PDB file of all heavy atoms in Angstrom:
ATOM      1  N   ILE A   1       0.860  -1.182   0.002  1.00  0.00           N
ATOM      2  CA  ILE A   1      -0.008   0.000   0.001  1.00  0.00           C
ATOM      3  C   ILE A   1       0.889   1.242   0.001  1.00  0.00           C
ATOM      4  O   ILE A   1       1.781   1.378   0.831  1.00  0.00           O
ATOM      5  CB  ILE A   1      -0.945   0.029   1.222  1.00  0.00           C
ATOM      6  CG1 ILE A   1      -1.863  -1.192   1.209  1.00  0.00           C
ATOM      7  CG2 ILE A   1      -1.766   1.317   1.225  1.00  0.00           C
ATOM      8  CD1 ILE A   1      -2.800  -1.251   2.384  1.00  0.00           C
ATOM      9  N   LYS A   2       0.646   2.127  -0.967  1.00  0.00           N
ATOM     10  CA  LYS A   2       1.409   3.353  -1.095  1.00  0.00           C
ATOM     11  C   LYS A   2       0.445   4.528  -1.178  1.00  0.00           C
ATOM     12  O   LYS A   2      -0.588   4.442  -1.823  1.00  0.00           O
ATOM     13  CB  LYS A   2       2.291   3.300  -2.344  1.00  0.00           C
ATOM     14  CG  LYS A   2       3.161   4.536  -2.545  1.00  0.00           C
ATOM     15  CD  LYS A   2       4.002   4.395  -3.800  1.00  0.00           C
ATOM     16  CE  LYS A   2       4.883   5.631  -4.008  1.00  0.00           C
ATOM     17  NZ  LYS A   2       5.706   5.502  -5.239  1.00  0.00           N
ATOM     18  N   VAL A   3       0.805   5.641  -0.512  1.00  0.00           N
ATOM     19  CA  VAL A   3      -0.032   6.827  -0.494  1.00  0.00           C
ATOM     20  C   VAL A   3       0.660   7.932  -1.272  1.00  0.00           C
ATOM     21  O   VAL A   3       1.840   8.219  -1.052  1.00  0.00           O
ATOM     22  CB  VAL A   3      -0.313   7.302   0.951  1.00  0.00           C
ATOM     23  CG1 VAL A   3      -1.100   8.611   0.947  1.00  0.00           C
ATOM     24  CG2 VAL A   3      -1.088   6.230   1.717  1.00  0.00           C
ATOM     25  N   ILE A   4      -0.067   8.525  -2.186  1.00  0.00           N
ATOM     26  CA  ILE A   4       0.427   9.660  -2.974  1.00  0.00           C
ATOM     27  C   ILE A   4      -0.477  10.843  -2.664  1.00  0.00           C
ATOM     28  O   ILE A   4      -1.680  10.803  -2.898  1.00  0.00           O
ATOM     29  CB  ILE A   4       0.402   9.352  -4.483  1.00  0.00           C
ATOM     30  CG1 ILE A   4       1.273   8.128  -4.799  1.00  0.00           C
ATOM     31  CG2 ILE A   4       0.877  10.552  -5.280  1.00  0.00           C
ATOM     32  CD1 ILE A   4       1.217   7.705  -6.249  1.00  0.00           C
ATOM     33  N   THR A   5       0.123  11.923  -2.119  1.00  0.00           N
ATOM     34  CA  THR A   5      -0.652  13.114  -1.771  1.00  0.00           C
ATOM     35  C   THR A   5      -0.673  14.062  -2.953  1.00  0.00           C
ATOM     36  O   THR A   5       0.390  14.405  -3.515  1.00  0.00           O
ATOM     37  CB  THR A   5      -0.044  13.825  -0.551  1.00  0.00           C
ATOM     38  OG1 THR A   5       0.006  12.897   0.548  1.00  0.00           O
ATOM     39  CG2 THR A   5      -0.878  15.026  -0.154  1.00  0.00           C
ATOM     40  N   LEU A   6      -1.855  14.471  -3.324  1.00  0.00           N
ATOM     41  CA  LEU A   6      -1.997  15.388  -4.442  1.00  0.00           C
ATOM     42  C   LEU A   6      -1.712  16.812  -3.989  1.00  0.00           C
ATOM     43  O   LEU A   6      -2.162  17.236  -2.913  1.00  0.00           O
ATOM     44  CB  LEU A   6      -3.400  15.303  -5.040  1.00  0.00           C
ATOM     45  CG  LEU A   6      -3.804  13.941  -5.638  1.00  0.00           C
ATOM     46  CD1 LEU A   6      -5.213  14.025  -6.186  1.00  0.00           C
ATOM     47  CD2 LEU A   6      -2.839  13.515  -6.731  1.00  0.00           C
ATOM     48  N   GLY A   7      -0.982  17.552  -4.832  1.00  0.00           N
ATOM     49  CA  GLY A   7      -0.725  18.947  -4.538  1.00  0.00           C
ATOM     50  C   GLY A   7      -1.848  19.831  -5.009  1.00  0.00           C
ATOM     51  O   GLY A   7      -2.971  19.382  -5.257  1.00  0.00           O
ATOM     52  N   ASP A   8      -1.554  21.104  -5.125  1.00  0.00           N
ATOM     53  CA  ASP A   8      -2.556  22.051  -5.599  1.00  0.00           C
ATOM     54  C   ASP A   8      -2.896  21.748  -7.060  1.00  0.00           C
ATOM     55  O   ASP A   8      -2.004  21.554  -7.897  1.00  0.00           O
ATOM     56  CB  ASP A   8      -2.032  23.487  -5.486  1.00  0.00           C
ATOM     57  CG  ASP A   8      -1.817  23.884  -4.026  1.00  0.00           C
ATOM     58  OD1 ASP A   8      -2.494  23.289  -3.174  1.00  0.00           O
ATOM     59  OD2 ASP A   8      -0.967  24.754  -3.762  1.00  0.00           O
ATOM     60  N   THR A   9      -4.153  21.690  -7.345  1.00  0.00           N
ATOM     61  CA  THR A   9      -4.602  21.411  -8.710  1.00  0.00           C
ATOM     62  C   THR A   9      -4.792  22.712  -9.473  1.00  0.00           C
ATOM     63  O   THR A   9      -5.125  23.751  -8.892  1.00  0.00           O
ATOM     64  CB  THR A   9      -5.927  20.636  -8.703  1.00  0.00           C
ATOM     65  OG1 THR A   9      -6.918  21.403  -7.992  1.00  0.00           O
ATOM     66  CG2 THR A   9      -5.742  19.284  -8.026  1.00  0.00           C
ATOM     67  N   SER A  10      -4.562  22.653 -10.766  1.00  0.00           N
ATOM     68  CA  SER A  10      -4.703  23.827 -11.622  1.00  0.00           C
ATOM     69  C   SER A  10      -5.996  23.724 -12.421  1.00  0.00           C
ATOM     70  O   SER A  10      -6.423  22.644 -12.822  1.00  0.00           O
ATOM     71  CB  SER A  10      -3.503  23.929 -12.575  1.00  0.00           C
ATOM     72  OG  SER A  10      -3.692  24.991 -13.495  1.00  0.00           O
ATOM     73  N   THR A  11      -6.599  24.879 -12.623  1.00  0.00           N
ATOM     74  CA  THR A  11      -7.841  24.915 -13.401  1.00  0.00           C
ATOM     75  C   THR A  11      -7.581  25.140 -14.891  1.00  0.00           C
ATOM     76  O   THR A  11      -8.521  25.180 -15.674  1.00  0.00           O
ATOM     77  CB  THR A  11      -8.753  26.037 -12.884  1.00  0.00           C
ATOM     78  OG1 THR A  11      -8.040  27.292 -12.961  1.00  0.00           O
ATOM     79  CG2 THR A  11      -9.163  25.780 -11.435  1.00  0.00           C
ATOM     80  N   HIS A  12      -6.299  25.305 -15.262  1.00  0.00           N
ATOM     81  CA  HIS A  12      -5.959  25.528 -16.660  1.00  0.00           C
ATOM     82  C   HIS A  12      -6.058  24.215 -17.435  1.00  0.00           C
ATOM     83  O   HIS A  12      -5.712  23.147 -16.922  1.00  0.00           O
ATOM     84  CB  HIS A  12      -4.559  26.117 -16.794  1.00  0.00           C
ATOM     85  CG  HIS A  12      -4.418  27.471 -16.166  1.00  0.00           C
ATOM     86  ND1 HIS A  12      -4.975  28.613 -16.719  1.00  0.00           N
ATOM     87  CD2 HIS A  12      -3.793  27.873 -15.027  1.00  0.00           C
ATOM     88  CE1 HIS A  12      -4.692  29.653 -15.954  1.00  0.00           C
ATOM     89  NE2 HIS A  12      -3.971  29.224 -14.916  1.00  0.00           N
ATOM     90  N   ARG A  13      -6.502  24.327 -18.667  1.00  0.00           N
ATOM     91  CA  ARG A  13      -6.647  23.162 -19.508  1.00  0.00           C
ATOM     92  C   ARG A  13      -5.272  22.620 -19.904  1.00  0.00           C
ATOM     93  O   ARG A  13      -4.369  23.385 -20.248  1.00  0.00           O
ATOM     94  CB  ARG A  13      -7.445  23.528 -20.762  1.00  0.00           C
ATOM     95  CG  ARG A  13      -7.709  22.353 -21.699  1.00  0.00           C
ATOM     96  CD  ARG A  13      -8.564  22.790 -22.858  1.00  0.00           C
ATOM     97  NE  ARG A  13      -8.828  21.677 -23.761  1.00  0.00           N
ATOM     98  CZ  ARG A  13      -9.547  21.771 -24.876  1.00  0.00           C
ATOM     99  NH1 ARG A  13     -10.083  22.942 -25.212  1.00  0.00           N
ATOM    100  NH2 ARG A  13      -9.740  20.729 -25.646  1.00  0.00           N
ATOM    101  N   TYR A  14      -5.124  21.341 -19.841  1.00  0.00           N
ATOM    102  CA  TYR A  14      -3.834  20.712 -20.152  1.00  0.00           C
ATOM    103  C   TYR A  14      -3.558  20.821 -21.640  1.00  0.00           C
ATOM    104  O   TYR A  14      -4.429  20.613 -22.476  1.00  0.00           O
ATOM    105  CB  TYR A  14      -3.837  19.241 -19.746  1.00  0.00           C
ATOM    106  CG  TYR A  14      -2.618  18.484 -20.225  1.00  0.00           C
ATOM    107  CD1 TYR A  14      -1.394  18.591 -19.558  1.00  0.00           C
ATOM    108  CD2 TYR A  14      -2.679  17.672 -21.352  1.00  0.00           C
ATOM    109  CE1 TYR A  14      -0.277  17.918 -19.991  1.00  0.00           C
ATOM    110  CE2 TYR A  14      -1.555  17.000 -21.807  1.00  0.00           C
ATOM    111  CZ  TYR A  14      -0.354  17.118 -21.121  1.00  0.00           C
ATOM    112  OH  TYR A  14       0.753  16.445 -21.567  1.00  0.00           O
ATOM    113  N   GLN A  15      -2.291  21.166 -21.945  1.00  0.00           N
ATOM    114  CA  GLN A  15      -1.846  21.216 -23.332  1.00  0.00           C
ATOM    115  C   GLN A  15      -0.503  20.496 -23.418  1.00  0.00           C
ATOM    116  O   GLN A  15       0.393  20.732 -22.601  1.00  0.00           O
ATOM    117  CB  GLN A  15      -1.684  22.655 -23.819  1.00  0.00           C
ATOM    118  CG  GLN A  15      -3.009  23.394 -23.991  1.00  0.00           C
ATOM    119  CD  GLN A  15      -2.813  24.774 -24.587  1.00  0.00           C
ATOM    120  OE1 GLN A  15      -1.692  25.267 -24.666  1.00  0.00           O
ATOM    121  NE2 GLN A  15      -3.905  25.397 -25.002  1.00  0.00           N
ATOM    122  N   SER A  16      -0.394  19.639 -24.380  1.00  0.00           N
ATOM    123  CA  SER A  16       0.855  18.902 -24.568  1.00  0.00           C
ATOM    124  C   SER A  16       1.965  19.868 -24.953  1.00  0.00           C
ATOM    125  O   SER A  16       1.755  20.792 -25.749  1.00  0.00           O
ATOM    126  CB  SER A  16       0.675  17.841 -25.650  1.00  0.00           C
ATOM    127  OG  SER A  16       1.895  17.223 -25.941  1.00  0.00           O
ATOM    128  N   PRO A  17       3.188  19.688 -24.389  1.00  0.00           N
ATOM    129  CA  PRO A  17       4.288  20.616 -24.723  1.00  0.00           C
ATOM    130  C   PRO A  17       4.751  20.496 -26.162  1.00  0.00           C
ATOM    131  O   PRO A  17       5.478  21.356 -26.653  1.00  0.00           O
ATOM    132  CB  PRO A  17       5.397  20.192 -23.748  1.00  0.00           C
ATOM    133  CG  PRO A  17       5.072  18.788 -23.389  1.00  0.00           C
ATOM    134  CD  PRO A  17       3.583  18.714 -23.380  1.00  0.00           C
ATOM    135  N   HIS A  18       4.377  19.448 -26.861  1.00  0.00           N
ATOM    136  CA  HIS A  18       4.828  19.239 -28.228  1.00  0.00           C
ATOM    137  C   HIS A  18       3.649  19.239 -29.199  1.00  0.00           C
ATOM    138  O   HIS A  18       3.609  18.471 -30.146  1.00  0.00           O
ATOM    139  CB  HIS A  18       5.592  17.913 -28.350  1.00  0.00           C
ATOM    140  CG  HIS A  18       6.766  17.827 -27.434  1.00  0.00           C
ATOM    141  ND1 HIS A  18       7.914  18.570 -27.607  1.00  0.00           N
ATOM    142  CD2 HIS A  18       6.959  17.079 -26.324  1.00  0.00           C
ATOM    143  CE1 HIS A  18       8.776  18.287 -26.652  1.00  0.00           C
ATOM    144  NE2 HIS A  18       8.223  17.389 -25.858  1.00  0.00           N
ATOM    145  N   THR A  19       2.690  20.090 -28.940  1.00  0.00           N
ATOM    146  CA  THR A  19       1.529  20.130 -29.833  1.00  0.00           C
ATOM    147  C   THR A  19       1.874  20.849 -31.118  1.00  0.00           C
ATOM    148  O   THR A  19       2.441  21.952 -31.122  1.00  0.00           O
ATOM    149  CB  THR A  19       0.370  20.864 -29.138  1.00  0.00           C
ATOM    150  OG1 THR A  19       0.814  22.161 -28.738  1.00  0.00           O
ATOM    151  CG2 THR A  19      -0.116  20.088 -27.931  1.00  0.00           C
ATOM    152  N   THR A  20       1.572  20.218 -32.196  1.00  0.00           N
ATOM    153  CA  THR A  20       1.765  20.803 -33.527  1.00  0.00           C
ATOM    154  C   THR A  20       0.504  20.557 -34.340  1.00  0.00           C
ATOM    155  O   THR A  20      -0.108  19.502 -34.243  1.00  0.00           O
ATOM    156  CB  THR A  20       2.982  20.188 -34.236  1.00  0.00           C
ATOM    157  OG1 THR A  20       2.809  18.772 -34.297  1.00  0.00           O
ATOM    158  CG2 THR A  20       4.276  20.537 -33.510  1.00  0.00           C
ATOM    159  N   ASP A  21       0.155  21.564 -35.110  1.00  0.00           N
ATOM    160  CA  ASP A  21      -1.025  21.431 -35.962  1.00  0.00           C
ATOM    161  C   ASP A  21      -0.692  20.557 -37.167  1.00  0.00           C
ATOM    162  O   ASP A  21       0.202  20.892 -37.956  1.00  0.00           O
ATOM    163  CB  ASP A  21      -1.501  22.799 -36.423  1.00  0.00           C
ATOM    164  CG  ASP A  21      -1.987  23.640 -35.249  1.00  0.00           C
ATOM    165  OD1 ASP A  21      -2.425  23.031 -34.245  1.00  0.00           O
ATOM    166  OD2 ASP A  21      -1.915  24.876 -35.336  1.00  0.00           O
ATOM    167  N   ILE A  22      -1.379  19.446 -37.282  1.00  0.00           N
ATOM    168  CA  ILE A  22      -1.154  18.516 -38.382  1.00  0.00           C
ATOM    169  C   ILE A  22      -2.359  18.554 -39.293  1.00  0.00           C
ATOM    170  O   ILE A  22      -3.495  18.372 -38.847  1.00  0.00           O
ATOM    171  CB  ILE A  22      -0.912  17.092 -37.853  1.00  0.00           C
ATOM    172  CG1 ILE A  22       0.279  17.068 -36.893  1.00  0.00           C
ATOM    173  CG2 ILE A  22      -0.679  16.126 -39.000  1.00  0.00           C
ATOM    174  CD1 ILE A  22       0.523  15.711 -36.263  1.00  0.00           C
ATOM    175  N   ALA A  23      -2.089  18.807 -40.545  1.00  0.00           N
ATOM    176  CA  ALA A  23      -3.179  18.817 -41.528  1.00  0.00           C
ATOM    177  C   ALA A  23      -3.534  17.380 -41.888  1.00  0.00           C
ATOM    178  O   ALA A  23      -2.675  16.598 -42.296  1.00  0.00           O
ATOM    179  CB  ALA A  23      -2.756  19.593 -42.769  1.00  0.00           C
ATOM    180  N   LEU A  24      -4.781  17.042 -41.679  1.00  0.00           N
ATOM    181  CA  LEU A  24      -5.243  15.689 -41.944  1.00  0.00           C
ATOM    182  C   LEU A  24      -5.999  15.658 -43.271  1.00  0.00           C
ATOM    183  O   LEU A  24      -6.896  16.474 -43.503  1.00  0.00           O
ATOM    184  CB  LEU A  24      -6.151  15.196 -40.806  1.00  0.00           C
ATOM    185  CG  LEU A  24      -5.521  15.134 -39.415  1.00  0.00           C
ATOM    186  CD1 LEU A  24      -6.555  14.656 -38.401  1.00  0.00           C
ATOM    187  CD2 LEU A  24      -4.311  14.210 -39.416  1.00  0.00           C
ATOM    188  N   ASP A  25      -5.610  14.748 -44.119  1.00  0.00           N
ATOM    189  CA  ASP A  25      -6.276  14.578 -45.407  1.00  0.00           C
ATOM    190  C   ASP A  25      -6.641  13.122 -45.581  1.00  0.00           C
ATOM    191  O   ASP A  25      -5.943  12.228 -45.087  1.00  0.00           O
ATOM    192  CB  ASP A  25      -5.368  15.013 -46.562  1.00  0.00           C
ATOM    193  CG  ASP A  25      -5.050  16.500 -46.516  1.00  0.00           C
ATOM    194  OD1 ASP A  25      -5.979  17.266 -46.192  1.00  0.00           O
ATOM    195  OD2 ASP A  25      -3.892  16.871 -46.763  1.00  0.00           O
ATOM    196  N   ALA A  26      -7.727  12.898 -46.278  1.00  0.00           N
ATOM    197  CA  ALA A  26      -8.116  11.526 -46.562  1.00  0.00           C
ATOM    198  C   ALA A  26      -7.132  10.907 -47.549  1.00  0.00           C
ATOM    199  O   ALA A  26      -6.617  11.572 -48.456  1.00  0.00           O
ATOM    200  CB  ALA A  26      -9.530  11.490 -47.140  1.00  0.00           C
ATOM    201  N   ALA A  27      -6.836   9.646 -47.360  1.00  0.00           N
ATOM    202  CA  ALA A  27      -5.926   8.941 -48.254  1.00  0.00           C
ATOM    203  C   ALA A  27      -6.547   8.844 -49.651  1.00  0.00           C
ATOM    204  O   ALA A  27      -7.758   8.712 -49.804  1.00  0.00           O
ATOM    205  CB  ALA A  27      -5.617   7.551 -47.703  1.00  0.00           C
ATOM    206  N   ILE A  28      -5.708   8.922 -50.639  1.00  0.00           N
ATOM    207  CA  ILE A  28      -6.162   8.834 -52.024  1.00  0.00           C
ATOM    208  C   ILE A  28      -6.154   7.371 -52.460  1.00  0.00           C
ATOM    209  O   ILE A  28      -5.161   6.672 -52.313  1.00  0.00           O
ATOM    210  CB  ILE A  28      -5.236   9.659 -52.945  1.00  0.00           C
ATOM    211  CG1 ILE A  28      -5.246  11.133 -52.509  1.00  0.00           C
ATOM    212  CG2 ILE A  28      -5.675   9.532 -54.403  1.00  0.00           C
ATOM    213  CD1 ILE A  28      -4.290  11.995 -53.301  1.00  0.00           C
ATOM    214  N   PHE A  29      -7.279   6.943 -52.948  1.00  0.00           N
ATOM    215  CA  PHE A  29      -7.414   5.550 -53.378  1.00  0.00           C
ATOM    216  C   PHE A  29      -6.746   5.390 -54.746  1.00  0.00           C
ATOM    217  O   PHE A  29      -7.113   6.052 -55.720  1.00  0.00           O
ATOM    218  CB  PHE A  29      -8.888   5.170 -53.458  1.00  0.00           C
ATOM    219  CG  PHE A  29      -9.121   3.722 -53.766  1.00  0.00           C
ATOM    220  CD1 PHE A  29      -9.003   2.765 -52.771  1.00  0.00           C
ATOM    221  CD2 PHE A  29      -9.447   3.303 -55.051  1.00  0.00           C
ATOM    222  CE1 PHE A  29      -9.218   1.433 -53.024  1.00  0.00           C
ATOM    223  CE2 PHE A  29      -9.658   1.968 -55.326  1.00  0.00           C
ATOM    224  CZ  PHE A  29      -9.537   1.025 -54.308  1.00  0.00           C
ATOM    225  N   LYS A  30      -5.745   4.549 -54.815  1.00  0.00           N
ATOM    226  CA  LYS A  30      -4.984   4.356 -56.046  1.00  0.00           C
ATOM    227  C   LYS A  30      -5.129   2.956 -56.642  1.00  0.00           C
ATOM    228  O   LYS A  30      -4.613   2.704 -57.717  1.00  0.00           O
ATOM    229  CB  LYS A  30      -3.498   4.633 -55.775  1.00  0.00           C
ATOM    230  CG  LYS A  30      -3.220   6.062 -55.314  1.00  0.00           C
ATOM    231  CD  LYS A  30      -1.738   6.274 -55.072  1.00  0.00           C
ATOM    232  CE  LYS A  30      -1.455   7.714 -54.626  1.00  0.00           C
ATOM    233  NZ  LYS A  30      -0.013   7.935 -54.390  1.00  0.00           N
ATOM    234  N   ARG A  31      -5.781   2.068 -55.929  1.00  0.00           N
ATOM    235  CA  ARG A  31      -5.947   0.720 -56.450  1.00  0.00           C
ATOM    236  C   ARG A  31      -6.976   0.690 -57.572  1.00  0.00           C
ATOM    237  O   ARG A  31      -7.800   1.595 -57.710  1.00  0.00           O
ATOM    238  CB  ARG A  31      -6.397  -0.230 -55.343  1.00  0.00           C
ATOM    239  CG  ARG A  31      -5.352  -0.491 -54.281  1.00  0.00           C
ATOM    240  CD  ARG A  31      -5.936  -1.334 -53.182  1.00  0.00           C
ATOM    241  NE  ARG A  31      -6.538  -2.558 -53.736  1.00  0.00           N
ATOM    242  CZ  ARG A  31      -7.394  -3.317 -53.044  1.00  0.00           C
ATOM    243  NH1 ARG A  31      -7.774  -2.965 -51.846  1.00  0.00           N
ATOM    244  NH2 ARG A  31      -7.881  -4.412 -53.607  1.00  0.00           N
TER     245      ARG A  31
END
């Protein structure tokens, strides 16, 4: 049994430090 005490929580929305905008396109059917 292990106890982990939570610190002060933030109300800010989480954002990944490596967020990059990726343009998503549908794959082109070539068959």
